[in-house]
Amino acid sequence: MIEFIINKIIGILLILFGLFMILKFPQTESWQPKGFTMLGILVGIISLGIGVYLLFS
């Protein structure tokens, strides 16, 4: 039972992190090289997918 609750909490945290990385990650002109924006979005999508899987499994 406790593993179930921990999985849901981790899922929610990963969803929030993924949404932050997709929506609020700094744009290219801010301070980073060009490729970092796409990397941030990719990490966000992966985190979001894992979070949704953990939340609904």
PDB file of N, CA and C in Angstrom:
ATOM      1  N   MET A   1       0.824  -1.200   0.000  1.00  0.00           N
ATOM      2  CA  MET A   1       0.000   0.000   0.000  1.00  0.00           C
ATOM      3  C   MET A   1       0.864   1.258   0.000  1.00  0.00           C
ATOM      4  N   ILE A   2       1.946   1.246   0.777  1.00  0.00           N
ATOM      5  CA  ILE A   2       2.786   2.434   0.854  1.00  0.00           C
ATOM      6  C   ILE A   2       3.518   2.681  -0.463  1.00  0.00           C
ATOM      7  N   GLU A   3       3.853   1.578  -1.209  1.00  0.00           N
ATOM      8  CA  GLU A   3       4.495   1.741  -2.512  1.00  0.00           C
ATOM      9  C   GLU A   3       3.545   2.411  -3.494  1.00  0.00           C
ATOM     10  N   PHE A   4       2.272   2.108  -3.383  1.00  0.00           N
ATOM     11  CA  PHE A   4       1.253   2.706  -4.232  1.00  0.00           C
ATOM     12  C   PHE A   4       1.217   4.222  -4.043  1.00  0.00           C
ATOM     13  N   ILE A   5       1.211   4.650  -2.806  1.00  0.00           N
ATOM     14  CA  ILE A   5       1.162   6.085  -2.498  1.00  0.00           C
ATOM     15  C   ILE A   5       2.448   6.774  -2.937  1.00  0.00           C
ATOM     16  N   ILE A   6       3.586   6.148  -2.717  1.00  0.00           N
ATOM     17  CA  ILE A   6       4.869   6.730  -3.125  1.00  0.00           C
ATOM     18  C   ILE A   6       4.931   6.859  -4.644  1.00  0.00           C
ATOM     19  N   ASN A   7       4.439   5.846  -5.381  1.00  0.00           N
ATOM     20  CA  ASN A   7       4.416   5.937  -6.840  1.00  0.00           C
ATOM     21  C   ASN A   7       3.551   7.101  -7.312  1.00  0.00           C
ATOM     22  N   LYS A   8       2.430   7.322  -6.667  1.00  0.00           N
ATOM     23  CA  LYS A   8       1.550   8.430  -7.059  1.00  0.00           C
ATOM     24  C   LYS A   8       2.206   9.786  -6.773  1.00  0.00           C
ATOM     25  N   ILE A   9       2.880   9.908  -5.647  1.00  0.00           N
ATOM     26  CA  ILE A   9       3.556  11.163  -5.308  1.00  0.00           C
ATOM     27  C   ILE A   9       4.698  11.431  -6.288  1.00  0.00           C
ATOM     28  N   ILE A  10       5.479  10.401  -6.584  1.00  0.00           N
ATOM     29  CA  ILE A  10       6.572  10.566  -7.552  1.00  0.00           C
ATOM     30  C   ILE A  10       6.004  10.903  -8.927  1.00  0.00           C
ATOM     31  N   GLY A  11       4.901  10.288  -9.306  1.00  0.00           N
ATOM     32  CA  GLY A  11       4.252  10.589 -10.579  1.00  0.00           C
ATOM     33  C   GLY A  11       3.816  12.038 -10.671  1.00  0.00           C
ATOM     34  N   ILE A  12       3.212  12.551  -9.611  1.00  0.00           N
ATOM     35  CA  ILE A  12       2.776  13.954  -9.590  1.00  0.00           C
ATOM     36  C   ILE A  12       3.971  14.886  -9.684  1.00  0.00           C
ATOM     37  N   LEU A  13       5.041  14.586  -8.954  1.00  0.00           N
ATOM     38  CA  LEU A  13       6.239  15.419  -9.010  1.00  0.00           C
ATOM     39  C   LEU A  13       6.868  15.411 -10.401  1.00  0.00           C
ATOM     40  N   LEU A  14       6.910  14.250 -11.039  1.00  0.00           N
ATOM     41  CA  LEU A  14       7.470  14.173 -12.382  1.00  0.00           C
ATOM     42  C   LEU A  14       6.603  14.916 -13.396  1.00  0.00           C
ATOM     43  N   ILE A  15       5.294  14.864 -13.230  1.00  0.00           N
ATOM     44  CA  ILE A  15       4.402  15.621 -14.113  1.00  0.00           C
ATOM     45  C   ILE A  15       4.646  17.116 -13.952  1.00  0.00           C
ATOM     46  N   LEU A  16       4.763  17.580 -12.731  1.00  0.00           N
ATOM     47  CA  LEU A  16       5.019  19.006 -12.502  1.00  0.00           C
ATOM     48  C   LEU A  16       6.377  19.426 -13.073  1.00  0.00           C
ATOM     49  N   PHE A  17       7.395  18.604 -12.869  1.00  0.00           N
ATOM     50  CA  PHE A  17       8.713  18.893 -13.419  1.00  0.00           C
ATOM     51  C   PHE A  17       8.675  18.909 -14.945  1.00  0.00           C
ATOM     52  N   GLY A  18       7.985  17.937 -15.536  1.00  0.00           N
ATOM     53  CA  GLY A  18       7.877  17.882 -16.993  1.00  0.00           C
ATOM     54  C   GLY A  18       7.164  19.085 -17.561  1.00  0.00           C
ATOM     55  N   LEU A  19       6.076  19.494 -16.921  1.00  0.00           N
ATOM     56  CA  LEU A  19       5.368  20.687 -17.387  1.00  0.00           C
ATOM     57  C   LEU A  19       6.226  21.939 -17.259  1.00  0.00           C
ATOM     58  N   PHE A  20       6.993  22.041 -16.179  1.00  0.00           N
ATOM     59  CA  PHE A  20       7.895  23.182 -16.028  1.00  0.00           C
ATOM     60  C   PHE A  20       8.929  23.198 -17.144  1.00  0.00           C
ATOM     61  N   MET A  21       9.515  22.038 -17.425  1.00  0.00           N
ATOM     62  CA  MET A  21      10.549  21.984 -18.455  1.00  0.00           C
ATOM     63  C   MET A  21       9.981  22.291 -19.838  1.00  0.00           C
ATOM     64  N   ILE A  22       8.763  21.879 -20.105  1.00  0.00           N
ATOM     65  CA  ILE A  22       8.159  22.127 -21.419  1.00  0.00           C
ATOM     66  C   ILE A  22       7.713  23.582 -21.545  1.00  0.00           C
ATOM     67  N   LEU A  23       7.077  24.117 -20.516  1.00  0.00           N
ATOM     68  CA  LEU A  23       6.454  25.434 -20.638  1.00  0.00           C
ATOM     69  C   LEU A  23       7.329  26.593 -20.179  1.00  0.00           C
ATOM     70  N   LYS A  24       8.149  26.407 -19.163  1.00  0.00           N
ATOM     71  CA  LYS A  24       8.867  27.526 -18.554  1.00  0.00           C
ATOM     72  C   LYS A  24      10.375  27.470 -18.707  1.00  0.00           C
ATOM     73  N   PHE A  25      10.900  26.494 -19.435  1.00  0.00           N
ATOM     74  CA  PHE A  25      12.351  26.403 -19.603  1.00  0.00           C
ATOM     75  C   PHE A  25      12.838  27.637 -20.352  1.00  0.00           C
ATOM     76  N   PRO A  26      13.969  28.244 -19.931  1.00  0.00           N
ATOM     77  CA  PRO A  26      14.441  29.471 -20.571  1.00  0.00           C
ATOM     78  C   PRO A  26      14.665  29.297 -22.068  1.00  0.00           C
ATOM     79  N   GLN A  27      14.328  30.312 -22.806  1.00  0.00           N
ATOM     80  CA  GLN A  27      14.470  30.277 -24.251  1.00  0.00           C
ATOM     81  C   GLN A  27      15.934  30.458 -24.654  1.00  0.00           C
ATOM     82  N   THR A  28      16.233  30.242 -25.914  1.00  0.00           N
ATOM     83  CA  THR A  28      17.602  30.253 -26.414  1.00  0.00           C
ATOM     84  C   THR A  28      18.288  31.596 -26.199  1.00  0.00           C
ATOM     85  N   GLU A  29      17.558  32.668 -26.377  1.00  0.00           N
ATOM     86  CA  GLU A  29      18.195  33.985 -26.283  1.00  0.00           C
ATOM     87  C   GLU A  29      18.557  34.385 -24.858  1.00  0.00           C
ATOM     88  N   SER A  30      18.103  33.635 -23.881  1.00  0.00           N
ATOM     89  CA  SER A  30      18.357  34.018 -22.489  1.00  0.00           C
ATOM     90  C   SER A  30      19.828  33.874 -22.113  1.00  0.00           C
ATOM     91  N   TRP A  31      20.310  32.645 -21.970  1.00  0.00           N
ATOM     92  CA  TRP A  31      21.683  32.471 -21.465  1.00  0.00           C
ATOM     93  C   TRP A  31      22.350  31.194 -21.924  1.00  0.00           C
ATOM     94  N   GLN A  32      21.695  30.396 -22.727  1.00  0.00           N
ATOM     95  CA  GLN A  32      22.181  29.061 -23.023  1.00  0.00           C
ATOM     96  C   GLN A  32      22.454  28.883 -24.513  1.00  0.00           C
ATOM     97  N   PRO A  33      23.245  27.882 -24.864  1.00  0.00           N
ATOM     98  CA  PRO A  33      23.438  27.555 -26.283  1.00  0.00           C
ATOM     99  C   PRO A  33      22.132  27.082 -26.923  1.00  0.00           C
ATOM    100  N   LYS A  34      22.104  27.089 -28.261  1.00  0.00           N
ATOM    101  CA  LYS A  34      20.872  26.784 -28.990  1.00  0.00           C
ATOM    102  C   LYS A  34      20.291  25.414 -28.676  1.00  0.00           C
ATOM    103  N   GLY A  35      21.108  24.387 -28.576  1.00  0.00           N
ATOM    104  CA  GLY A  35      20.610  23.031 -28.409  1.00  0.00           C
ATOM    105  C   GLY A  35      19.958  22.760 -27.069  1.00  0.00           C
ATOM    106  N   PHE A  36      20.194  23.600 -26.099  1.00  0.00           N
ATOM    107  CA  PHE A  36      19.662  23.340 -24.755  1.00  0.00           C
ATOM    108  C   PHE A  36      18.145  23.480 -24.693  1.00  0.00           C
ATOM    109  N   THR A  37      17.568  24.324 -25.524  1.00  0.00           N
ATOM    110  CA  THR A  37      16.114  24.479 -25.502  1.00  0.00           C
ATOM    111  C   THR A  37      15.446  23.175 -25.909  1.00  0.00           C
ATOM    112  N   MET A  38      15.916  22.557 -26.981  1.00  0.00           N
ATOM    113  CA  MET A  38      15.339  21.286 -27.421  1.00  0.00           C
ATOM    114  C   MET A  38      15.597  20.181 -26.402  1.00  0.00           C
ATOM    115  N   LEU A  39      16.772  20.200 -25.789  1.00  0.00           N
ATOM    116  CA  LEU A  39      17.077  19.212 -24.757  1.00  0.00           C
ATOM    117  C   LEU A  39      16.140  19.374 -23.561  1.00  0.00           C
ATOM    118  N   GLY A  40      15.883  20.596 -23.150  1.00  0.00           N
ATOM    119  CA  GLY A  40      14.966  20.848 -22.036  1.00  0.00           C
ATOM    120  C   GLY A  40      13.559  20.371 -22.338  1.00  0.00           C
ATOM    121  N   ILE A  41      13.109  20.614 -23.563  1.00  0.00           N
ATOM    122  CA  ILE A  41      11.772  20.159 -23.952  1.00  0.00           C
ATOM    123  C   ILE A  41      11.725  18.635 -24.001  1.00  0.00           C
ATOM    124  N   LEU A  42      12.771  18.008 -24.511  1.00  0.00           N
ATOM    125  CA  LEU A  42      12.815  16.549 -24.571  1.00  0.00           C
ATOM    126  C   LEU A  42      12.797  15.932 -23.170  1.00  0.00           C
ATOM    127  N   VAL A  43      13.598  16.484 -22.270  1.00  0.00           N
ATOM    128  CA  VAL A  43      13.604  15.994 -20.884  1.00  0.00           C
ATOM    129  C   VAL A  43      12.223  16.200 -20.252  1.00  0.00           C
ATOM    130  N   GLY A  44      11.579  17.312 -20.560  1.00  0.00           N
ATOM    131  CA  GLY A  44      10.238  17.569 -20.047  1.00  0.00           C
ATOM    132  C   GLY A  44       9.218  16.566 -20.545  1.00  0.00           C
ATOM    133  N   ILE A  45       9.292  16.234 -21.838  1.00  0.00           N
ATOM    134  CA  ILE A  45       8.345  15.265 -22.401  1.00  0.00           C
ATOM    135  C   ILE A  45       8.565  13.889 -21.790  1.00  0.00           C
ATOM    136  N   ILE A  46       9.814  13.494 -21.630  1.00  0.00           N
ATOM    137  CA  ILE A  46      10.112  12.186 -21.030  1.00  0.00           C
ATOM    138  C   ILE A  46       9.636  12.146 -19.580  1.00  0.00           C
ATOM    139  N   SER A  47       9.913  13.197 -18.817  1.00  0.00           N
ATOM    140  CA  SER A  47       9.478  13.248 -17.418  1.00  0.00           C
ATOM    141  C   SER A  47       7.951  13.234 -17.320  1.00  0.00           C
ATOM    142  N   LEU A  48       7.308  13.968 -18.199  1.00  0.00           N
ATOM    143  CA  LEU A  48       5.849  14.002 -18.206  1.00  0.00           C
ATOM    144  C   LEU A  48       5.274  12.622 -18.504  1.00  0.00           C
ATOM    145  N   GLY A  49       5.849  11.925 -19.470  1.00  0.00           N
ATOM    146  CA  GLY A  49       5.366  10.592 -19.811  1.00  0.00           C
ATOM    147  C   GLY A  49       5.555   9.605 -18.670  1.00  0.00           C
ATOM    148  N   ILE A  50       6.701   9.627 -18.037  1.00  0.00           N
ATOM    149  CA  ILE A  50       6.945   8.721 -16.905  1.00  0.00           C
ATOM    150  C   ILE A  50       6.021   9.057 -15.748  1.00  0.00           C
ATOM    151  N   GLY A  51       5.813  10.353 -15.508  1.00  0.00           N
ATOM    152  CA  GLY A  51       4.912  10.772 -14.430  1.00  0.00           C
ATOM    153  C   GLY A  51       3.480  10.329 -14.653  1.00  0.00           C
ATOM    154  N   VAL A  52       3.008  10.460 -15.885  1.00  0.00           N
ATOM    155  CA  VAL A  52       1.644  10.015 -16.197  1.00  0.00           C
ATOM    156  C   VAL A  52       1.523   8.505 -16.038  1.00  0.00           C
ATOM    157  N   TYR A  53       2.548   7.784 -16.482  1.00  0.00           N
ATOM    158  CA  TYR A  53       2.535   6.323 -16.329  1.00  0.00           C
ATOM    159  C   TYR A  53       2.468   5.932 -14.847  1.00  0.00           C
ATOM    160  N   LEU A  54       3.294   6.584 -14.013  1.00  0.00           N
ATOM    161  CA  LEU A  54       3.287   6.258 -12.589  1.00  0.00           C
ATOM    162  C   LEU A  54       1.971   6.661 -11.909  1.00  0.00           C
ATOM    163  N   LEU A  55       1.405   7.772 -12.351  1.00  0.00           N
ATOM    164  CA  LEU A  55       0.173   8.242 -11.722  1.00  0.00           C
ATOM    165  C   LEU A  55      -1.000   7.329 -12.038  1.00  0.00           C
ATOM    166  N   PHE A  56      -1.070   6.817 -13.261  1.00  0.00           N
ATOM    167  CA  PHE A  56      -2.223   6.028 -13.664  1.00  0.00           C
ATOM    168  C   PHE A  56      -1.990   4.522 -13.667  1.00  0.00           C
ATOM    169  N   SER A  57      -0.835   4.094 -13.168  1.00  0.00           N
ATOM    170  CA  SER A  57      -0.612   2.645 -13.125  1.00  0.00           C
ATOM    171  C   SER A  57      -0.943   2.075 -11.748  1.00  0.00           C
TER     172      SER A  57
END
